[in-house]
Amino acid sequence: MLNLTIAIVASFICIALILNLWRLLKGSTLSERILALDTMYINAIALILLYGIYMRSALYFEAALLIAMLGFVSTAALCKYLLRGDIIE
């Protein structure tokens, strides 16, 4: 039962990733594209966590944590660049 649930949730997350990719490519403003990229990080983290649950391994949780930190830092840097035009002051 758990394997079926993981497969269904993974397919929904993959659909969400495809829709986020669409928004990333067709976004009208730069802020919409940054938001789509941030949401893609979150969906990738969810897929990695689902795979970790499926494989019953804690290693994937550490990988998801690293991707979450990278996503946060990159989103903050992109937003700072968007607001000020320069990352390093």
PDB file of N, CA and C in Angstrom:
ATOM      1  N   MET A   1       0.818  -1.195   0.000  1.00  0.00           N
ATOM      2  CA  MET A   1       0.000   0.000   0.000  1.00  0.00           C
ATOM      3  C   MET A   1       0.862   1.260   0.000  1.00  0.00           C
ATOM      4  N   LEU A   2       1.976   1.220   0.748  1.00  0.00           N
ATOM      5  CA  LEU A   2       2.867   2.371   0.792  1.00  0.00           C
ATOM      6  C   LEU A   2       3.534   2.602  -0.563  1.00  0.00           C
ATOM      7  N   ASN A   3       3.892   1.535  -1.264  1.00  0.00           N
ATOM      8  CA  ASN A   3       4.523   1.689  -2.580  1.00  0.00           C
ATOM      9  C   ASN A   3       3.574   2.333  -3.581  1.00  0.00           C
ATOM     10  N   LEU A   4       2.304   1.981  -3.519  1.00  0.00           N
ATOM     11  CA  LEU A   4       1.317   2.584  -4.416  1.00  0.00           C
ATOM     12  C   LEU A   4       1.140   4.063  -4.104  1.00  0.00           C
ATOM     13  N   THR A   5       1.100   4.390  -2.844  1.00  0.00           N
ATOM     14  CA  THR A   5       0.952   5.794  -2.438  1.00  0.00           C
ATOM     15  C   THR A   5       2.164   6.618  -2.868  1.00  0.00           C
ATOM     16  N   ILE A   6       3.345   6.057  -2.705  1.00  0.00           N
ATOM     17  CA  ILE A   6       4.560   6.760  -3.122  1.00  0.00           C
ATOM     18  C   ILE A   6       4.549   6.982  -4.630  1.00  0.00           C
ATOM     19  N   ALA A   7       4.118   6.003  -5.396  1.00  0.00           N
ATOM     20  CA  ALA A   7       4.070   6.150  -6.854  1.00  0.00           C
ATOM     21  C   ALA A   7       3.076   7.231  -7.272  1.00  0.00           C
ATOM     22  N   ILE A   8       1.919   7.276  -6.628  1.00  0.00           N
ATOM     23  CA  ILE A   8       0.912   8.289  -6.968  1.00  0.00           C
ATOM     24  C   ILE A   8       1.410   9.685  -6.623  1.00  0.00           C
ATOM     25  N   VAL A   9       1.985   9.840  -5.438  1.00  0.00           N
ATOM     26  CA  VAL A   9       2.494  11.150  -5.017  1.00  0.00           C
ATOM     27  C   VAL A   9       3.660  11.578  -5.897  1.00  0.00           C
ATOM     28  N   ALA A  10       4.535  10.653  -6.263  1.00  0.00           N
ATOM     29  CA  ALA A  10       5.664  10.980  -7.139  1.00  0.00           C
ATOM     30  C   ALA A  10       5.178  11.433  -8.510  1.00  0.00           C
ATOM     31  N   SER A  11       4.133  10.824  -9.018  1.00  0.00           N
ATOM     32  CA  SER A  11       3.597  11.263 -10.319  1.00  0.00           C
ATOM     33  C   SER A  11       2.996  12.661 -10.222  1.00  0.00           C
ATOM     34  N   PHE A  12       2.328  12.965  -9.112  1.00  0.00           N
ATOM     35  CA  PHE A  12       1.794  14.318  -8.936  1.00  0.00           C
ATOM     36  C   PHE A  12       2.917  15.355  -8.822  1.00  0.00           C
ATOM     37  N   ILE A  13       3.973  14.999  -8.141  1.00  0.00           N
ATOM     38  CA  ILE A  13       5.098  15.925  -8.011  1.00  0.00           C
ATOM     39  C   ILE A  13       5.792  16.115  -9.360  1.00  0.00           C
ATOM     40  N   CYS A  14       5.877  15.068 -10.156  1.00  0.00           N
ATOM     41  CA  CYS A  14       6.454  15.204 -11.494  1.00  0.00           C
ATOM     42  C   CYS A  14       5.603  16.122 -12.374  1.00  0.00           C
ATOM     43  N   ILE A  15       4.290  16.015 -12.248  1.00  0.00           N
ATOM     44  CA  ILE A  15       3.402  16.932 -12.985  1.00  0.00           C
ATOM     45  C   ILE A  15       3.627  18.361 -12.514  1.00  0.00           C
ATOM     46  N   ALA A  16       3.792  18.545 -11.215  1.00  0.00           N
ATOM     47  CA  ALA A  16       4.064  19.885 -10.682  1.00  0.00           C
ATOM     48  C   ALA A  16       5.404  20.409 -11.195  1.00  0.00           C
ATOM     49  N   LEU A  17       6.402  19.545 -11.325  1.00  0.00           N
ATOM     50  CA  LEU A  17       7.692  19.973 -11.869  1.00  0.00           C
ATOM     51  C   LEU A  17       7.562  20.410 -13.323  1.00  0.00           C
ATOM     52  N   ILE A  18       6.777  19.697 -14.088  1.00  0.00           N
ATOM     53  CA  ILE A  18       6.565  20.071 -15.487  1.00  0.00           C
ATOM     54  C   ILE A  18       5.850  21.414 -15.579  1.00  0.00           C
ATOM     55  N   LEU A  19       4.854  21.633 -14.737  1.00  0.00           N
ATOM     56  CA  LEU A  19       4.156  22.913 -14.740  1.00  0.00           C
ATOM     57  C   LEU A  19       5.061  24.047 -14.275  1.00  0.00           C
ATOM     58  N   ASN A  20       5.955  23.769 -13.319  1.00  0.00           N
ATOM     59  CA  ASN A  20       6.921  24.783 -12.895  1.00  0.00           C
ATOM     60  C   ASN A  20       7.918  25.097 -13.992  1.00  0.00           C
ATOM     61  N   LEU A  21       8.318  24.082 -14.752  1.00  0.00           N
ATOM     62  CA  LEU A  21       9.209  24.319 -15.874  1.00  0.00           C
ATOM     63  C   LEU A  21       8.534  25.192 -16.924  1.00  0.00           C
ATOM     64  N   TRP A  22       7.251  24.962 -17.141  1.00  0.00           N
ATOM     65  CA  TRP A  22       6.485  25.799 -18.065  1.00  0.00           C
ATOM     66  C   TRP A  22       6.488  27.256 -17.586  1.00  0.00           C
ATOM     67  N   ARG A  23       6.271  27.471 -16.288  1.00  0.00           N
ATOM     68  CA  ARG A  23       6.258  28.833 -15.749  1.00  0.00           C
ATOM     69  C   ARG A  23       7.660  29.447 -15.809  1.00  0.00           C
ATOM     70  N   LEU A  24       8.690  28.616 -15.631  1.00  0.00           N
ATOM     71  CA  LEU A  24      10.055  29.119 -15.707  1.00  0.00           C
ATOM     72  C   LEU A  24      10.383  29.592 -17.121  1.00  0.00           C
ATOM     73  N   LEU A  25       9.922  28.867 -18.118  1.00  0.00           N
ATOM     74  CA  LEU A  25      10.225  29.234 -19.495  1.00  0.00           C
ATOM     75  C   LEU A  25       9.320  30.336 -20.031  1.00  0.00           C
ATOM     76  N   LYS A  26       8.068  30.357 -19.634  1.00  0.00           N
ATOM     77  CA  LYS A  26       7.100  31.299 -20.183  1.00  0.00           C
ATOM     78  C   LYS A  26       6.715  32.413 -19.218  1.00  0.00           C
ATOM     79  N   GLY A  27       7.438  32.570 -18.121  1.00  0.00           N
ATOM     80  CA  GLY A  27       7.107  33.609 -17.146  1.00  0.00           C
ATOM     81  C   GLY A  27       7.236  34.995 -17.753  1.00  0.00           C
ATOM     82  N   SER A  28       6.308  35.868 -17.405  1.00  0.00           N
ATOM     83  CA  SER A  28       6.320  37.195 -18.005  1.00  0.00           C
ATOM     84  C   SER A  28       7.328  38.122 -17.334  1.00  0.00           C
ATOM     85  N   THR A  29       7.592  37.930 -16.052  1.00  0.00           N
ATOM     86  CA  THR A  29       8.555  38.782 -15.355  1.00  0.00           C
ATOM     87  C   THR A  29       9.654  37.921 -14.749  1.00  0.00           C
ATOM     88  N   LEU A  30      10.729  38.583 -14.378  1.00  0.00           N
ATOM     89  CA  LEU A  30      11.853  37.868 -13.780  1.00  0.00           C
ATOM     90  C   LEU A  30      11.505  37.326 -12.399  1.00  0.00           C
ATOM     91  N   SER A  31      10.669  38.041 -11.667  1.00  0.00           N
ATOM     92  CA  SER A  31      10.282  37.555 -10.338  1.00  0.00           C
ATOM     93  C   SER A  31       9.443  36.283 -10.427  1.00  0.00           C
ATOM     94  N   GLU A  32       8.607  36.152 -11.449  1.00  0.00           N
ATOM     95  CA  GLU A  32       7.848  34.907 -11.636  1.00  0.00           C
ATOM     96  C   GLU A  32       8.777  33.752 -11.952  1.00  0.00           C
ATOM     97  N   ARG A  33       9.812  34.011 -12.702  1.00  0.00           N
ATOM     98  CA  ARG A  33      10.767  32.955 -13.034  1.00  0.00           C
ATOM     99  C   ARG A  33      11.568  32.521 -11.815  1.00  0.00           C
ATOM    100  N   ILE A  34      11.948  33.475 -10.970  1.00  0.00           N
ATOM    101  CA  ILE A  34      12.668  33.126  -9.738  1.00  0.00           C
ATOM    102  C   ILE A  34      11.771  32.304  -8.819  1.00  0.00           C
ATOM    103  N   LEU A  35      10.514  32.681  -8.724  1.00  0.00           N
ATOM    104  CA  LEU A  35       9.566  31.932  -7.898  1.00  0.00           C
ATOM    105  C   LEU A  35       9.360  30.521  -8.439  1.00  0.00           C
ATOM    106  N   ALA A  36       9.297  30.373  -9.756  1.00  0.00           N
ATOM    107  CA  ALA A  36       9.158  29.041 -10.349  1.00  0.00           C
ATOM    108  C   ALA A  36      10.389  28.188 -10.072  1.00  0.00           C
ATOM    109  N   LEU A  37      11.568  28.791 -10.127  1.00  0.00           N
ATOM    110  CA  LEU A  37      12.788  28.052  -9.839  1.00  0.00           C
ATOM    111  C   LEU A  37      12.830  27.611  -8.380  1.00  0.00           C
ATOM    112  N   ASP A  38      12.397  28.481  -7.476  1.00  0.00           N
ATOM    113  CA  ASP A  38      12.352  28.129  -6.062  1.00  0.00           C
ATOM    114  C   ASP A  38      11.358  26.991  -5.815  1.00  0.00           C
ATOM    115  N   THR A  39      10.243  27.020  -6.485  1.00  0.00           N
ATOM    116  CA  THR A  39       9.256  25.955  -6.338  1.00  0.00           C
ATOM    117  C   THR A  39       9.772  24.642  -6.925  1.00  0.00           C
ATOM    118  N   MET A  40      10.584  24.733  -7.965  1.00  0.00           N
ATOM    119  CA  MET A  40      11.176  23.518  -8.524  1.00  0.00           C
ATOM    120  C   MET A  40      12.164  22.886  -7.536  1.00  0.00           C
ATOM    121  N   TYR A  41      12.889  23.718  -6.792  1.00  0.00           N
ATOM    122  CA  TYR A  41      13.757  23.178  -5.744  1.00  0.00           C
ATOM    123  C   TYR A  41      12.932  22.412  -4.714  1.00  0.00           C
ATOM    124  N   ILE A  42      11.830  22.975  -4.311  1.00  0.00           N
ATOM    125  CA  ILE A  42      10.989  22.326  -3.299  1.00  0.00           C
ATOM    126  C   ILE A  42      10.438  20.998  -3.823  1.00  0.00           C
ATOM    127  N   ASN A  43      10.012  20.987  -5.085  1.00  0.00           N
ATOM    128  CA  ASN A  43       9.503  19.740  -5.664  1.00  0.00           C
ATOM    129  C   ASN A  43      10.609  18.697  -5.812  1.00  0.00           C
ATOM    130  N   ALA A  44      11.809  19.128  -6.148  1.00  0.00           N
ATOM    131  CA  ALA A  44      12.929  18.184  -6.246  1.00  0.00           C
ATOM    132  C   ALA A  44      13.255  17.595  -4.879  1.00  0.00           C
ATOM    133  N   ILE A  45      13.182  18.415  -3.858  1.00  0.00           N
ATOM    134  CA  ILE A  45      13.406  17.920  -2.498  1.00  0.00           C
ATOM    135  C   ILE A  45      12.351  16.881  -2.130  1.00  0.00           C
ATOM    136  N   ALA A  46      11.107  17.150  -2.484  1.00  0.00           N
ATOM    137  CA  ALA A  46      10.033  16.197  -2.186  1.00  0.00           C
ATOM    138  C   ALA A  46      10.248  14.870  -2.917  1.00  0.00           C
ATOM    139  N   LEU A  47      10.701  14.932  -4.169  1.00  0.00           N
ATOM    140  CA  LEU A  47      10.969  13.693  -4.900  1.00  0.00           C
ATOM    141  C   LEU A  47      12.114  12.904  -4.271  1.00  0.00           C
ATOM    142  N   ILE A  48      13.145  13.596  -3.849  1.00  0.00           N
ATOM    143  CA  ILE A  48      14.271  12.907  -3.206  1.00  0.00           C
ATOM    144  C   ILE A  48      13.832  12.275  -1.895  1.00  0.00           C
ATOM    145  N   LEU A  49      13.017  12.976  -1.127  1.00  0.00           N
ATOM    146  CA  LEU A  49      12.514  12.409   0.125  1.00  0.00           C
ATOM    147  C   LEU A  49      11.625  11.197  -0.124  1.00  0.00           C
ATOM    148  N   LEU A  50      10.788  11.264  -1.145  1.00  0.00           N
ATOM    149  CA  LEU A  50       9.954  10.100  -1.476  1.00  0.00           C
ATOM    150  C   LEU A  50      10.811   8.905  -1.877  1.00  0.00           C
ATOM    151  N   TYR A  51      11.848   9.173  -2.650  1.00  0.00           N
ATOM    152  CA  TYR A  51      12.731   8.082  -3.050  1.00  0.00           C
ATOM    153  C   TYR A  51      13.465   7.502  -1.840  1.00  0.00           C
ATOM    154  N   GLY A  52      13.835   8.363  -0.895  1.00  0.00           N
ATOM    155  CA  GLY A  52      14.470   7.888   0.326  1.00  0.00           C
ATOM    156  C   GLY A  52      13.541   7.019   1.155  1.00  0.00           C
ATOM    157  N   ILE A  53      12.264   7.395   1.203  1.00  0.00           N
ATOM    158  CA  ILE A  53      11.290   6.567   1.916  1.00  0.00           C
ATOM    159  C   ILE A  53      11.113   5.233   1.207  1.00  0.00           C
ATOM    160  N   TYR A  54      11.079   5.273  -0.129  1.00  0.00           N
ATOM    161  CA  TYR A  54      10.908   4.051  -0.907  1.00  0.00           C
ATOM    162  C   TYR A  54      12.096   3.108  -0.727  1.00  0.00           C
ATOM    163  N   MET A  55      13.309   3.659  -0.736  1.00  0.00           N
ATOM    164  CA  MET A  55      14.512   2.832  -0.601  1.00  0.00           C
ATOM    165  C   MET A  55      14.867   2.530   0.851  1.00  0.00           C
ATOM    166  N   ARG A  56      14.188   3.179   1.798  1.00  0.00           N
ATOM    167  CA  ARG A  56      14.442   3.014   3.232  1.00  0.00           C
ATOM    168  C   ARG A  56      15.906   3.318   3.581  1.00  0.00           C
ATOM    169  N   SER A  57      16.345   4.494   3.101  1.00  0.00           N
ATOM    170  CA  SER A  57      17.717   4.914   3.336  1.00  0.00           C
ATOM    171  C   SER A  57      17.714   6.351   3.836  1.00  0.00           C
ATOM    172  N   ALA A  58      18.524   6.620   4.846  1.00  0.00           N
ATOM    173  CA  ALA A  58      18.599   7.964   5.415  1.00  0.00           C
ATOM    174  C   ALA A  58      19.543   8.869   4.630  1.00  0.00           C
ATOM    175  N   LEU A  59      20.317   8.314   3.715  1.00  0.00           N
ATOM    176  CA  LEU A  59      21.259   9.102   2.933  1.00  0.00           C
ATOM    177  C   LEU A  59      20.541  10.134   2.057  1.00  0.00           C
ATOM    178  N   TYR A  60      19.378   9.797   1.555  1.00  0.00           N
ATOM    179  CA  TYR A  60      18.633  10.709   0.682  1.00  0.00           C
ATOM    180  C   TYR A  60      18.095  11.914   1.448  1.00  0.00           C
ATOM    181  N   PHE A  61      17.869  11.748   2.727  1.00  0.00           N
ATOM    182  CA  PHE A  61      17.407  12.876   3.527  1.00  0.00           C
ATOM    183  C   PHE A  61      18.507  13.924   3.680  1.00  0.00           C
ATOM    184  N   GLU A  62      19.744  13.474   3.788  1.00  0.00           N
ATOM    185  CA  GLU A  62      20.863  14.413   3.853  1.00  0.00           C
ATOM    186  C   GLU A  62      21.049  15.135   2.525  1.00  0.00           C
ATOM    187  N   ALA A  63      20.858  14.423   1.425  1.00  0.00           N
ATOM    188  CA  ALA A  63      20.949  15.054   0.108  1.00  0.00           C
ATOM    189  C   ALA A  63      19.845  16.096  -0.074  1.00  0.00           C
ATOM    190  N   ALA A  64      18.662  15.794   0.420  1.00  0.00           N
ATOM    191  CA  ALA A  64      17.558  16.757   0.332  1.00  0.00           C
ATOM    192  C   ALA A  64      17.850  17.992   1.172  1.00  0.00           C
ATOM    193  N   LEU A  65      18.491  17.812   2.302  1.00  0.00           N
ATOM    194  CA  LEU A  65      18.860  18.953   3.141  1.00  0.00           C
ATOM    195  C   LEU A  65      19.881  19.840   2.438  1.00  0.00           C
ATOM    196  N   LEU A  66      20.859  19.245   1.775  1.00  0.00           N
ATOM    197  CA  LEU A  66      21.847  20.022   1.031  1.00  0.00           C
ATOM    198  C   LEU A  66      21.204  20.799  -0.120  1.00  0.00           C
ATOM    199  N   ILE A  67      20.281  20.173  -0.817  1.00  0.00           N
ATOM    200  CA  ILE A  67      19.591  20.868  -1.906  1.00  0.00           C
ATOM    201  C   ILE A  67      18.722  21.987  -1.367  1.00  0.00           C
ATOM    202  N   ALA A  68      18.124  21.788  -0.211  1.00  0.00           N
ATOM    203  CA  ALA A  68      17.312  22.846   0.400  1.00  0.00           C
ATOM    204  C   ALA A  68      18.165  24.053   0.761  1.00  0.00           C
ATOM    205  N   MET A  69      19.353  23.819   1.312  1.00  0.00           N
ATOM    206  CA  MET A  69      20.235  24.939   1.644  1.00  0.00           C
ATOM    207  C   MET A  69      20.709  25.658   0.384  1.00  0.00           C
ATOM    208  N   LEU A  70      21.047  24.902  -0.646  1.00  0.00           N
ATOM    209  CA  LEU A  70      21.472  25.504  -1.906  1.00  0.00           C
ATOM    210  C   LEU A  70      20.337  26.311  -2.524  1.00  0.00           C
ATOM    211  N   GLY A  71      19.126  25.794  -2.464  1.00  0.00           N
ATOM    212  CA  GLY A  71      17.974  26.517  -3.007  1.00  0.00           C
ATOM    213  C   GLY A  71      17.693  27.804  -2.268  1.00  0.00           C
ATOM    214  N   PHE A  72      17.825  27.780  -0.957  1.00  0.00           N
ATOM    215  CA  PHE A  72      17.594  28.990  -0.179  1.00  0.00           C
ATOM    216  C   PHE A  72      18.618  30.067  -0.499  1.00  0.00           C
ATOM    217  N   VAL A  73      19.879  29.677  -0.544  1.00  0.00           N
ATOM    218  CA  VAL A  73      20.944  30.650  -0.808  1.00  0.00           C
ATOM    219  C   VAL A  73      20.823  31.209  -2.220  1.00  0.00           C
ATOM    220  N   SER A  74      20.529  30.363  -3.182  1.00  0.00           N
ATOM    221  CA  SER A  74      20.422  30.854  -4.561  1.00  0.00           C
ATOM    222  C   SER A  74      19.206  31.751  -4.746  1.00  0.00           C
ATOM    223  N   THR A  75      18.105  31.434  -4.100  1.00  0.00           N
ATOM    224  CA  THR A  75      16.928  32.293  -4.196  1.00  0.00           C
ATOM    225  C   THR A  75      17.185  33.641  -3.534  1.00  0.00           C
ATOM    226  N   ALA A  76      17.845  33.628  -2.394  1.00  0.00           N
ATOM    227  CA  ALA A  76      18.172  34.892  -1.730  1.00  0.00           C
ATOM    228  C   ALA A  76      19.125  35.727  -2.573  1.00  0.00           C
ATOM    229  N   ALA A  77      20.111  35.096  -3.211  1.00  0.00           N
ATOM    230  CA  ALA A  77      21.050  35.830  -4.054  1.00  0.00           C
ATOM    231  C   ALA A  77      20.360  36.396  -5.287  1.00  0.00           C
ATOM    232  N   LEU A  78      19.485  35.630  -5.902  1.00  0.00           N
ATOM    233  CA  LEU A  78      18.762  36.125  -7.078  1.00  0.00           C
ATOM    234  C   LEU A  78      17.830  37.274  -6.729  1.00  0.00           C
ATOM    235  N   CYS A  79      17.177  37.190  -5.590  1.00  0.00           N
ATOM    236  CA  CYS A  79      16.287  38.282  -5.172  1.00  0.00           C
ATOM    237  C   CYS A  79      17.078  39.543  -4.845  1.00  0.00           C
ATOM    238  N   LYS A  80      18.227  39.367  -4.218  1.00  0.00           N
ATOM    239  CA  LYS A  80      19.070  40.533  -3.919  1.00  0.00           C
ATOM    240  C   LYS A  80      19.579  41.169  -5.202  1.00  0.00           C
ATOM    241  N   TYR A  81      19.937  40.353  -6.179  1.00  0.00           N
ATOM    242  CA  TYR A  81      20.370  40.878  -7.470  1.00  0.00           C
ATOM    243  C   TYR A  81      19.230  41.596  -8.181  1.00  0.00           C
ATOM    244  N   LEU A  82      18.042  41.056  -8.066  1.00  0.00           N
ATOM    245  CA  LEU A  82      16.880  41.661  -8.710  1.00  0.00           C
ATOM    246  C   LEU A  82      16.545  43.011  -8.082  1.00  0.00           C
ATOM    247  N   LEU A  83      16.676  43.116  -6.766  1.00  0.00           N
ATOM    248  CA  LEU A  83      16.343  44.369  -6.088  1.00  0.00           C
ATOM    249  C   LEU A  83      17.418  45.440  -6.234  1.00  0.00           C
ATOM    250  N   ARG A  84      18.694  45.050  -6.106  1.00  0.00           N
ATOM    251  CA  ARG A  84      19.766  46.038  -6.045  1.00  0.00           C
ATOM    252  C   ARG A  84      20.660  46.076  -7.282  1.00  0.00           C
ATOM    253  N   GLY A  85      20.643  45.031  -8.081  1.00  0.00           N
ATOM    254  CA  GLY A  85      21.503  44.988  -9.244  1.00  0.00           C
ATOM    255  C   GLY A  85      22.911  44.519  -8.960  1.00  0.00           C
ATOM    256  N   ASP A  86      23.211  44.220  -7.691  1.00  0.00           N
ATOM    257  CA  ASP A  86      24.539  43.759  -7.299  1.00  0.00           C
ATOM    258  C   ASP A  86      24.381  42.808  -6.114  1.00  0.00           C
ATOM    259  N   ILE A  87      25.139  41.739  -6.120  1.00  0.00           N
ATOM    260  CA  ILE A  87      25.029  40.760  -5.045  1.00  0.00           C
ATOM    261  C   ILE A  87      25.948  41.128  -3.887  1.00  0.00           C
ATOM    262  N   ILE A  88      27.183  41.465  -4.210  1.00  0.00           N
ATOM    263  CA  ILE A  88      28.166  41.807  -3.174  1.00  0.00           C
ATOM    264  C   ILE A  88      28.235  43.315  -3.039  1.00  0.00           C
ATOM    265  N   GLU A  89      28.084  43.784  -1.804  1.00  0.00           N
ATOM    266  CA  GLU A  89      28.097  45.231  -1.594  1.00  0.00           C
ATOM    267  C   GLU A  89      29.470  45.726  -1.218  1.00  0.00           C
TER     268      GLU A  89
END
